[in-house]
Amino acid sequence: MSENFFQVKPKIKRIVRASISLIFCSCATLVGLNIAELSNSKVLAVTAATQDLQAAGLFQQGVMRYNSGDFQAAELALRAALSRDPKLASARNYLGNIFLKQNRLDAAVQEYGEAIRLNPNLAEGYYNLGLALHKQQQYQAAITAYRQALVVEPTMANANYNLGLALYQQGQSDEAIAAYQQSINLDRSNANAYFNLGLALQEQGNTAEAIIAYREVLQLSPKNVAAYNNLGSLLTARGQTPEAIETYIQAIRRVPNNPAAYYKLGMAFYEQGEYRKAQQVLKRAHKQYRKQGNVEQTEVIENLMQEIISSKNKKQPVEAVEVVPESETEQSLDNREIEFSPESSQDTE
């Protein structure tokens, strides 16, 4: 923000800065925890590593029950297959998946560990183990598991993506950036990878590349509020306020219920000295924050609007800014979400 922006009372200045930091951090945390889940199974009985036809048939039943969401029946069938052939690594991997779905993380880790012991070249076993450890916040152990999965199968995009998350959570930003970039090279459709890359680059002060990453996010996920808000903040910090204003307006058109975008748009108008526009937009932000019960932000806006009203250097009124939401048709076309479902052979937010 420029010096003009902070020509306000010291108390307001402190609150505004704190609130801006809060908005950014909440976005970073939310997306940073969006771990890529396991992919749908490709394993069939005919490819199961067993010579026991009955074990193979029970394994296939377990896979079918798993894919239909009947985890209890799947577990029974898989255990029956293992009673016929205790060396069936893929059955252990599926049992781990079941426990992971049920949030029985210790049991999942045990099953994945057994699957890897039986088949040290089972890439999805290492990946799934990494995911279970990641969910337990055992980041260093998860990093080791993801890396081993990539040794066996270097083209696992989700392993690179989750590796980047774990590295970032360990404070290893350079390595996280490299992992995100490799994930993107393998799968350019993962908006979350671009977003987290943007966060890591932004943290390092590499705003130019962070801006590029956020713009890629918005190409893939045009309703990503956090990407709009972070992009606008970076553009403002670089002195590109008109572009930041356009970014916030676009964000509001895409997602009208977006108080942070209204707030930041109001601040951008305020910095430009366009006080009437700033008031109009801040009123909308105030209304939405009040509905959310966000007392801190409503107080920030109330104080700021009083400062605008009492400003002796207030410009002459200018025409009001019009922010019109897009049509419902456009919104429905752009409402694309990335989903990750669980894995037994890698194939994937």
Foldseek 3Di string as FASTA:
>chain_A
DDPLLPPADPVLNVLVVVVLVVLLVVLLVVLLPPAFAAFQDPDALVPFPDPDSQLSVLQRVLSVCVVVVNNVSSLVSLVVSCVVPVLRLLSLQVPLVSCVVVVVLVSSLVSLVSSCVSPVLQLVSLQSNLVSCVVVVVLVSSLVSLVSSCVNPVLQLSSLQVNLSSCVVVVNLVSSLVSLVSSCVNPVLDLSSLQNNLVSCVVVVVLVSSLVSLVSSCVNQVQSLSSLLVNLVSCVVVVNLVVSLVSLLSNCQLPVLRLSSLQVNLSSCVSVLQLVQSVVSLVSSLVSCVVVVVVSSNVSSVSVNVCQVPDPPRDDHDDYDDRHHDDPVVNVVNRDDADHDRHSHRDGD
